[in-house]
C-alpha cells in the first residue's frame, strides 16, 4: 500500500530544489538566447572595423546593447542614449515570459503561490545579471549607472515573468473578468494594434519615398553600413509608434525645440542616421490629410464590431465596454510612446519621440468618440433589425393544426 502522506512530504521537500534549478536554467537560457546574437554582431563589427580596441571593450559594447533593450540609459562617450530599441525589448520580454512559464511548469504550479515563487525568483536572478552587466560594462567609453539601470529594468522583468507564470498556471485575471470587461479590453488592444499597423505602413512609405536620401546616408558609412542598417531595423518599431503619434495628431520631436506634425515640420540639423533621413521635412500634402481621421475611422469600425459581437449585452454594458476599449487603446499608445522616446545625445538630441501625455489625451478623445458613437448607433440598428426579423417571422408563419382523430375524411392506409 502506497503511503500517500509520505509521498506528499517528499514531493513538497523536492519542490524548492526544483524551483531553484529550473529558475537558474531558464534564466540563463533566456539571457543566452538574447545576448549571443548581440555578441556575434558586435564581434563581426569589431573585425570589420579593423579589430581596434581591446576585447573587454567589445564585451562591454555587447553588454551595453543588451542593457539598452531593457530601457536602461547608457553613456557612450559624450552620447547619452536612453531610446530603447523596441524590437530588442519585445524579444527580452518574450524570453523572460517563456522562462517564467517553464519554471512554473517544472514545479507543477497551478495557483497564485506558484506564480509568485517562479516570477519572484526569476526576477531576483535576472536583476542580479542586470546589475552585474551594469557594473562590468562601465569601462572604456561606456558608462552605466546602477540605480537607473535597476529602476528601468526591474519593472520590465517583473511584468514579463508575472505574465508568463500566470499564463502557464492558468490564473490570469483575464479568465475571471466579466464578459463586458474582456470584450472592452480586447477591442481596445485590437484598435491600438490596428493604428500601430497603420503607423508601420506609413513608416514603410516614408522610407520608400525618401529612399535615395536613406541610401546616401548609408553610403556614408562605407564597409560598416550593414551595422548601421541593422541598428535601424532594431529601431523600426520605435518609428512605427512615432508614425502612429503623427497620425493621431500630437506628432513627435526629433531634437529639442522641434516638432513633426501633419500640419507643420520644424526640424534642426539631424545626425546622419537612416531613421532620421526618413523623417518628414514638410507638412502633410492636402490629398493625404485623410490620415488625420484614421484613428476615428478605425475606432468606429471596431465599435460596430464590438456591438455586433455582443448581442447578449444590454446598452449600459455595451457603453461601458466601448469606454473601456477607448481607455485601453489610448493607454496602450501612451505607454508605447513613453517607451519609444528618450535621448540620443545631449543638447539638440536630448528629446526624441512623442509626448506620452499628449498622445494619450488626444487618442482617448478620438477613440471614445469613434468607439462609443459607433457602438451605440450600431446597437440601435441591431435592435431595429432584430425587431424587424421577429415581425417578419411572425407574419410569414402559418400554423398547421394537428389532424383530429377518428375523422371520416381521413385517408385509408
Protein backbone atom coordinates (compact mmCIF):
# COMPACT_ATOMS: atom_id res chain seq x y z
CA UNK A 1 0.00 0.00 0.00
CA UNK A 2 1.37 3.41 -1.00
CA UNK A 3 1.90 5.88 1.80
CA UNK A 4 0.33 8.98 0.27
CA UNK A 5 1.32 11.22 3.18
CA UNK A 6 4.99 10.30 2.87
CA UNK A 7 4.84 10.78 -0.91
CA UNK A 8 3.32 14.24 -0.43
CA UNK A 9 6.03 15.17 2.08
CA UNK A 10 8.80 14.08 -0.31
CA UNK A 11 7.22 16.00 -3.19
CA UNK A 12 6.91 19.10 -1.01
CA UNK A 13 10.55 18.80 0.05
CA UNK A 14 11.74 18.49 -3.55
CA UNK A 15 9.75 21.49 -4.77
CA UNK A 16 12.19 24.23 -3.57
CA UNK A 17 15.11 22.42 -5.21
CA UNK A 18 13.15 22.03 -8.45
CA UNK A 19 12.17 25.70 -8.30
CA UNK A 20 15.76 26.87 -7.86
CA UNK A 21 17.21 24.56 -10.51
CA UNK A 22 14.53 25.38 -13.07
CA UNK A 23 14.75 29.13 -12.38
CA UNK A 24 18.52 29.11 -12.81
CA UNK A 25 18.34 27.12 -16.04
CA UNK A 26 15.55 29.13 -17.65
CA UNK A 27 17.03 32.49 -16.61
CA UNK A 28 20.44 31.66 -18.02
CA UNK A 29 18.90 30.29 -21.20
CA UNK A 30 16.71 33.39 -21.70
CA UNK A 31 19.77 35.60 -21.26
CA UNK A 32 21.92 33.48 -23.58
CA UNK A 33 19.34 33.50 -26.38
CA UNK A 34 19.31 37.31 -26.41
CA UNK A 35 22.95 38.07 -25.64
CA UNK A 36 24.58 35.58 -28.06
CA UNK A 37 23.39 37.18 -31.34
CA UNK A 38 24.24 40.62 -29.97
CA UNK A 39 27.76 39.48 -29.11
CA UNK A 40 28.24 37.86 -32.53
CA UNK A 41 27.15 41.03 -34.33
CA UNK A 42 29.39 43.21 -32.16
CA UNK A 43 32.40 40.93 -32.81
CA UNK A 44 31.73 40.99 -36.57
CA UNK A 45 31.55 44.77 -36.50
CA UNK A 46 34.77 44.91 -34.47
CA UNK A 47 36.58 42.78 -37.05
CA UNK A 48 35.08 44.81 -39.87
CA UNK A 49 36.46 47.98 -38.28
CA UNK A 50 39.96 46.55 -38.11
CA UNK A 51 39.83 44.94 -34.64
CA UNK A 52 40.71 48.19 -32.91
CA UNK A 53 40.28 48.29 -29.16
CA UNK A 54 40.50 45.61 -26.51
CA UNK A 55 38.34 42.52 -26.13
CA UNK A 56 36.97 43.97 -22.88
CA UNK A 57 35.58 46.92 -24.79
CA UNK A 58 33.94 44.55 -27.27
CA UNK A 59 32.25 42.63 -24.45
CA UNK A 60 31.21 45.92 -22.85
CA UNK A 61 29.66 47.06 -26.14
CA UNK A 62 27.59 43.86 -26.30
CA UNK A 63 26.53 44.30 -22.69
CA UNK A 64 25.53 47.91 -23.27
CA UNK A 65 23.45 46.88 -26.28
CA UNK A 66 21.75 44.19 -24.17
CA UNK A 67 21.04 46.65 -21.37
CA UNK A 68 19.60 49.20 -23.78
CA UNK A 69 17.00 46.63 -24.77
CA UNK A 70 15.69 46.85 -21.20
CA UNK A 71 15.32 50.63 -21.49
CA UNK A 72 18.45 51.22 -19.42
CA UNK A 73 20.07 54.63 -20.15
CA UNK A 74 23.73 54.27 -21.12
CA UNK A 75 26.55 56.68 -21.90
CA UNK A 76 28.75 56.04 -24.94
CA UNK A 77 31.46 58.64 -24.81
CA UNK A 78 29.70 62.00 -24.86
CA UNK A 79 26.42 60.47 -26.11
CA UNK A 80 23.68 59.77 -23.59
CA UNK A 81 21.41 57.09 -25.08
CA UNK A 82 18.06 56.34 -23.46
CA UNK A 83 15.98 55.38 -26.50
CA UNK A 84 15.32 51.67 -26.15
CA UNK A 85 15.22 49.62 -29.37
CA UNK A 86 11.71 48.24 -29.04
CA UNK A 87 12.49 45.23 -31.24
CA UNK A 88 15.05 44.09 -28.68
CA UNK A 89 12.71 44.99 -25.81
CA UNK A 90 9.99 42.75 -27.23
CA UNK A 91 12.50 39.90 -27.59
CA UNK A 92 13.62 40.30 -23.96
CA UNK A 93 10.02 40.34 -22.73
CA UNK A 94 9.16 37.22 -24.72
CA UNK A 95 12.15 35.23 -23.47
CA UNK A 96 11.51 36.21 -19.85
CA UNK A 97 7.86 35.19 -20.12
CA UNK A 98 8.94 31.84 -21.58
CA UNK A 99 11.44 31.38 -18.73
CA UNK A 100 8.77 32.02 -16.10
CA UNK A 101 6.35 29.68 -17.85
CA UNK A 102 8.99 26.93 -17.97
CA UNK A 103 9.77 27.29 -14.27
CA UNK A 104 6.08 27.23 -13.35
CA UNK A 105 5.61 24.09 -15.44
CA UNK A 106 8.62 22.43 -13.83
CA UNK A 107 7.21 22.79 -10.31
CA UNK A 108 3.67 21.90 -11.39
CA UNK A 109 2.34 25.29 -10.35
CA UNK A 110 -1.40 25.78 -10.65
CA UNK A 111 -2.04 28.56 -8.14
CA UNK A 112 -1.06 32.12 -7.29
CA UNK A 113 1.59 30.95 -4.81
CA UNK A 114 3.46 29.12 -7.57
CA UNK A 115 3.25 32.21 -9.78
CA UNK A 116 4.74 34.38 -7.04
CA UNK A 117 7.50 31.87 -6.38
CA UNK A 118 8.50 31.37 -10.04
CA UNK A 119 8.18 35.01 -11.12
CA UNK A 120 9.82 36.33 -7.95
CA UNK A 121 12.85 34.04 -8.10
CA UNK A 122 13.47 34.65 -11.82
CA UNK A 123 13.12 38.40 -11.26
CA UNK A 124 15.72 38.26 -8.48
CA UNK A 125 18.17 36.17 -10.54
CA UNK A 126 17.73 38.27 -13.67
CA UNK A 127 18.07 41.51 -11.72
CA UNK A 128 21.40 40.21 -10.46
CA UNK A 129 22.51 39.67 -14.05
CA UNK A 130 21.45 43.21 -14.98
CA UNK A 131 23.33 44.65 -12.00
CA UNK A 132 26.44 42.62 -12.88
CA UNK A 133 26.30 43.71 -16.51
CA UNK A 134 25.90 47.35 -15.47
CA UNK A 135 28.98 47.10 -13.26
CA UNK A 136 31.14 45.22 -15.78
CA UNK A 137 30.16 47.39 -18.77
CA UNK A 138 31.37 50.58 -17.13
CA UNK A 139 34.70 50.55 -18.90
CA UNK A 140 36.37 52.49 -21.69
CA UNK A 141 33.89 54.81 -23.44
CA UNK A 142 30.88 53.08 -21.85
CA UNK A 143 29.23 54.04 -18.57
CA UNK A 144 26.09 52.69 -16.91
CA UNK A 145 24.67 53.95 -13.61
CA UNK A 146 23.48 51.08 -11.44
CA UNK A 147 20.42 52.68 -9.82
CA UNK A 148 18.83 53.97 -13.08
CA UNK A 149 19.60 50.62 -14.68
CA UNK A 150 17.66 48.77 -11.99
CA UNK A 151 14.81 51.28 -11.98
CA UNK A 152 14.31 50.78 -15.73
CA UNK A 153 14.92 47.04 -15.96
CA UNK A 154 13.13 45.64 -12.91
CA UNK A 155 9.57 46.73 -13.92
CA UNK A 156 10.03 45.11 -17.35
CA UNK A 157 11.41 41.90 -15.82
CA UNK A 158 8.67 41.69 -13.18
CA UNK A 159 5.89 42.28 -15.71
CA UNK A 160 7.24 39.68 -18.15
CA UNK A 161 7.81 36.97 -15.53
CA UNK A 162 4.45 37.57 -13.84
CA UNK A 163 2.64 37.33 -17.17
CA UNK A 164 4.44 34.17 -18.25
CA UNK A 165 3.99 32.40 -14.91
CA UNK A 166 0.33 33.39 -14.53
CA UNK A 167 -0.49 32.29 -18.05
CA UNK A 168 1.16 28.91 -17.54
CA UNK A 169 -0.59 28.40 -14.20
CA UNK A 170 -3.95 29.45 -15.65
CA UNK A 171 -4.58 32.16 -13.06
CA UNK A 172 -4.61 35.25 -15.26
CA UNK A 173 -7.22 37.80 -14.10
CA UNK A 174 -8.48 37.75 -17.66
CA UNK A 175 -10.10 34.35 -17.08
CA UNK A 176 -12.24 35.59 -14.19
CA UNK A 177 -13.12 39.06 -15.55
CA UNK A 178 -16.65 39.87 -16.64
CA UNK A 179 -17.70 39.50 -20.26
CA UNK A 180 -18.05 43.20 -20.95
CA UNK A 181 -14.62 43.93 -19.46
CA UNK A 182 -12.91 41.23 -21.56
CA UNK A 183 -14.58 42.45 -24.73
CA UNK A 184 -13.68 46.04 -23.97
CA UNK A 185 -10.04 45.21 -23.28
CA UNK A 186 -9.79 43.03 -26.37
CA UNK A 187 -11.37 45.69 -28.59
CA UNK A 188 -9.04 48.35 -27.18
CA UNK A 189 -5.93 46.26 -27.79
CA UNK A 190 -7.07 45.44 -31.33
CA UNK A 191 -7.78 49.12 -32.04
CA UNK A 192 -4.34 50.15 -30.81
CA UNK A 193 -2.75 47.34 -32.82
CA UNK A 194 -4.57 48.44 -35.96
CA UNK A 195 -3.34 52.01 -35.53
CA UNK A 196 0.21 50.75 -34.95
CA UNK A 197 -0.08 48.68 -38.13
CA UNK A 198 -1.06 51.84 -39.98
CA UNK A 199 1.94 53.56 -38.40
CA UNK A 200 4.21 50.75 -39.61
CA UNK A 201 2.77 51.10 -43.11
CA UNK A 202 3.33 54.86 -43.01
CA UNK A 203 6.92 54.24 -41.91
CA UNK A 204 7.45 51.95 -44.89
CA UNK A 205 6.00 54.57 -47.23
CA UNK A 206 8.29 57.23 -45.72
CA UNK A 207 11.38 55.06 -46.28
CA UNK A 208 10.24 54.31 -49.83
CA UNK A 209 9.56 57.96 -50.71
CA UNK A 210 12.86 59.14 -49.24
CA UNK A 211 14.75 56.07 -50.42
CA UNK A 212 17.55 57.98 -52.21
CA UNK A 213 18.27 60.07 -49.11
CA UNK A 214 18.32 56.94 -46.93
CA UNK A 215 20.68 55.21 -49.37
CA UNK A 216 23.02 58.20 -49.44
CA UNK A 217 23.07 58.23 -45.64
CA UNK A 218 24.01 54.54 -45.52
CA UNK A 219 26.70 55.13 -48.12
CA UNK A 220 28.49 57.50 -45.76
CA UNK A 221 29.46 54.56 -43.52
CA UNK A 222 31.22 52.56 -46.23
CA UNK A 223 32.00 48.96 -45.23
CA UNK A 224 30.30 49.41 -41.85
CA UNK A 225 26.96 50.34 -43.42
CA UNK A 226 25.49 46.92 -42.58
CA UNK A 227 25.89 47.66 -38.87
CA UNK A 228 24.01 50.93 -39.25
CA UNK A 229 21.32 49.18 -41.29
CA UNK A 230 20.92 46.57 -38.56
CA UNK A 231 20.62 49.24 -35.89
CA UNK A 232 17.96 50.93 -38.00
CA UNK A 233 15.99 47.67 -38.16
CA UNK A 234 16.05 47.42 -34.36
CA UNK A 235 14.50 50.88 -34.14
CA UNK A 236 11.78 50.31 -36.74
CA UNK A 237 9.13 49.55 -34.05
CA UNK A 238 10.00 52.92 -32.50
CA UNK A 239 9.40 54.53 -35.88
CA UNK A 240 6.01 52.79 -36.11
CA UNK A 241 4.99 54.25 -32.74
CA UNK A 242 6.20 57.70 -33.81
CA UNK A 243 4.20 57.40 -37.03
CA UNK A 244 1.11 56.40 -35.02
CA UNK A 245 1.57 59.55 -32.91
CA UNK A 246 1.97 61.54 -36.14
CA UNK A 247 -1.33 60.13 -37.46
CA UNK A 248 -3.09 60.71 -34.15
CA UNK A 249 -2.15 64.39 -34.12
CA UNK A 250 0.49 65.26 -31.49
CA UNK A 251 3.36 64.14 -33.71
CA UNK A 252 6.84 63.67 -32.31
CA UNK A 253 10.07 65.52 -31.65
CA UNK A 254 13.43 64.86 -33.29
CA UNK A 255 15.54 67.06 -31.08
CA UNK A 256 14.99 69.79 -28.56
CA UNK A 257 12.64 72.51 -29.81
CA UNK A 258 11.50 70.51 -32.85
CA UNK A 259 8.07 69.20 -33.83
CA UNK A 260 6.94 66.92 -36.66
CA UNK A 261 3.19 67.05 -37.16
CA UNK A 262 0.80 66.72 -40.07
CA UNK A 263 0.37 70.49 -40.26
CA UNK A 264 3.96 71.54 -39.59
CA UNK A 265 7.55 70.29 -39.55
CA UNK A 266 10.11 72.23 -37.54
CA UNK A 267 13.45 70.45 -37.69
CA UNK A 268 17.01 71.27 -36.83
CA UNK A 269 20.21 69.60 -38.05
CA UNK A 270 19.92 65.82 -37.71
CA UNK A 271 22.64 63.17 -37.42
CA UNK A 272 23.46 61.06 -40.47
CA UNK A 273 21.33 58.06 -39.49
CA UNK A 274 18.87 56.31 -41.85
CA UNK A 275 15.97 56.60 -39.41
CA UNK A 276 16.33 60.38 -39.31
CA UNK A 277 16.66 60.52 -43.09
CA UNK A 278 13.07 59.23 -43.41
CA UNK A 279 11.57 61.90 -41.11
CA UNK A 280 9.09 64.17 -42.98
CA UNK A 281 10.55 67.63 -43.50
CA UNK A 282 7.37 69.30 -44.77
CA UNK A 283 3.70 69.42 -43.78
CA UNK A 284 1.40 66.67 -45.00
CA UNK A 285 0.06 67.29 -48.54
CA UNK A 286 -3.60 68.22 -48.81
CA UNK A 287 -4.53 64.95 -50.54
CA UNK A 288 -3.10 62.95 -47.62
CA UNK A 289 -4.94 64.78 -44.84
CA UNK A 290 -7.33 61.83 -44.65
CA UNK A 291 -4.72 60.23 -42.42
CA UNK A 292 -5.74 62.62 -39.64
CA UNK A 293 -9.15 60.97 -39.43
CA UNK A 294 -7.75 57.45 -39.46
CA UNK A 295 -7.88 56.88 -35.65
CA UNK A 296 -11.52 57.99 -35.58
CA UNK A 297 -12.42 55.73 -38.51
CA UNK A 298 -10.64 52.73 -37.01
CA UNK A 299 -12.40 53.32 -33.69
CA UNK A 300 -15.76 53.50 -35.46
CA UNK A 301 -15.14 50.22 -37.28
CA UNK A 302 -14.20 48.38 -34.11
CA UNK A 303 -17.08 49.99 -32.23
CA UNK A 304 -19.50 48.45 -34.74
CA UNK A 305 -17.73 45.09 -34.45
CA UNK A 306 -17.94 45.28 -30.65
CA UNK A 307 -21.70 45.80 -30.81
CA UNK A 308 -22.42 43.03 -33.30
CA UNK A 309 -20.27 40.60 -31.33
CA UNK A 310 -22.13 41.46 -28.12
CA UNK A 311 -25.81 40.75 -28.80
CA UNK A 312 -26.12 39.40 -25.24
CA UNK A 313 -25.11 42.71 -23.62
CA UNK A 314 -27.55 45.49 -22.83
CA UNK A 315 -26.93 49.12 -23.77
CA UNK A 316 -25.25 50.14 -20.46
CA UNK A 317 -22.82 47.22 -20.72
CA UNK A 318 -22.05 47.99 -24.38
CA UNK A 319 -21.44 51.63 -23.42
CA UNK A 320 -19.10 50.59 -20.61
CA UNK A 321 -17.25 48.13 -22.85
CA UNK A 322 -16.75 50.81 -25.52
CA UNK A 323 -15.43 53.24 -22.88
CA UNK A 324 -13.04 50.60 -21.54
CA UNK A 325 -11.88 49.91 -25.11
CA UNK A 326 -11.16 53.59 -25.71
CA UNK A 327 -9.20 53.88 -22.48
CA UNK A 328 -7.26 50.70 -23.20
CA UNK A 329 -6.31 51.78 -26.72
CA UNK A 330 -5.28 55.27 -25.61
CA UNK A 331 -3.33 53.93 -22.62
CA UNK A 332 -1.51 51.41 -24.80
CA UNK A 333 -0.45 54.11 -27.23
CA UNK A 334 0.66 56.34 -24.36
CA UNK A 335 2.82 53.61 -22.81
CA UNK A 336 4.39 52.79 -26.17
CA UNK A 337 5.02 56.48 -26.80
CA UNK A 338 6.85 56.67 -23.47
CA UNK A 339 8.91 53.55 -24.18
CA UNK A 340 9.81 54.61 -27.72
CA UNK A 341 11.21 58.02 -26.79
CA UNK A 342 14.22 59.27 -24.91
CA UNK A 343 17.54 60.84 -25.76
CA UNK A 344 20.31 60.01 -28.22
CA UNK A 345 22.77 62.66 -27.17
CA UNK A 346 22.89 65.96 -25.36
CA UNK A 347 21.63 69.44 -26.19
CA UNK A 348 19.88 69.10 -29.56
CA UNK A 349 19.31 65.31 -29.43
CA UNK A 350 18.17 65.26 -25.81
CA UNK A 351 14.48 64.99 -26.78
CA UNK A 352 13.29 62.28 -29.15
CA UNK A 353 9.87 60.76 -29.68
CA UNK A 354 6.27 61.72 -28.98
CA UNK A 355 4.86 63.26 -25.82
CA UNK A 356 3.11 60.38 -23.96
CA UNK A 357 0.55 62.60 -22.23
CA UNK A 358 -0.42 64.38 -25.43
CA UNK A 359 -0.72 61.11 -27.32
CA UNK A 360 -2.85 59.56 -24.58
CA UNK A 361 -5.17 62.54 -24.24
CA UNK A 362 -5.81 63.19 -27.94
CA UNK A 363 -6.09 59.48 -28.74
CA UNK A 364 -8.54 58.98 -25.86
CA UNK A 365 -10.86 61.67 -27.23
CA UNK A 366 -10.79 60.26 -30.77
CA UNK A 367 -11.19 56.65 -29.66
CA UNK A 368 -14.00 57.49 -27.24
CA UNK A 369 -15.98 59.37 -29.89
CA UNK A 370 -15.43 56.67 -32.52
CA UNK A 371 -15.94 53.59 -30.37
CA UNK A 372 -18.80 54.85 -28.22
CA UNK A 373 -20.67 56.63 -31.00
CA UNK A 374 -20.38 53.77 -33.48
CA UNK A 375 -21.26 51.18 -30.83
CA UNK A 376 -24.44 52.98 -29.82
CA UNK A 377 -25.53 53.65 -33.41
CA UNK A 378 -24.83 50.04 -34.37
CA UNK A 379 -26.74 48.91 -31.29
CA UNK A 380 -29.73 50.98 -32.41
CA UNK A 381 -29.71 49.45 -35.88
CA UNK A 382 -29.13 45.99 -34.44
CA UNK A 383 -32.22 46.34 -32.21
CA UNK A 384 -34.36 47.51 -35.13
CA UNK A 385 -33.03 44.71 -37.34
CA UNK A 386 -33.82 42.04 -34.76
CA UNK A 387 -37.31 43.50 -34.24
CA UNK A 388 -37.93 43.54 -37.99
CA UNK A 389 -36.74 39.94 -38.30
CA UNK A 390 -39.03 38.86 -35.47
CA UNK A 391 -42.01 40.65 -37.08
CA UNK A 392 -41.25 39.06 -40.45
CA UNK A 393 -41.12 35.61 -38.91
CA UNK A 394 -44.41 36.24 -37.12
CA UNK A 395 -46.17 37.34 -40.30
CA UNK A 396 -44.86 34.56 -42.51
CA UNK A 397 -45.51 31.76 -40.05
CA UNK A 398 -48.55 29.61 -40.85
CA UNK A 399 -49.77 27.41 -38.05
CA UNK A 400 -50.71 23.93 -39.31
CA UNK A 401 -53.26 22.35 -36.97
CA UNK A 402 -52.93 18.78 -35.89
CA UNK A 403 -55.39 16.40 -37.61
CA UNK A 404 -58.34 15.45 -35.41
CA UNK A 405 -58.51 11.76 -34.52
CA UNK A 406 -61.23 9.45 -35.92
CA UNK A 407 -62.18 11.81 -38.75
CA UNK A 408 -64.29 10.38 -41.55
CA UNK A 409 -62.23 12.08 -44.29
CA UNK A 410 -59.01 10.53 -43.14
CA UNK A 411 -57.15 8.73 -45.88
CA UNK A 412 -57.22 4.96 -45.66
CA UNK A 413 -53.88 3.15 -45.37
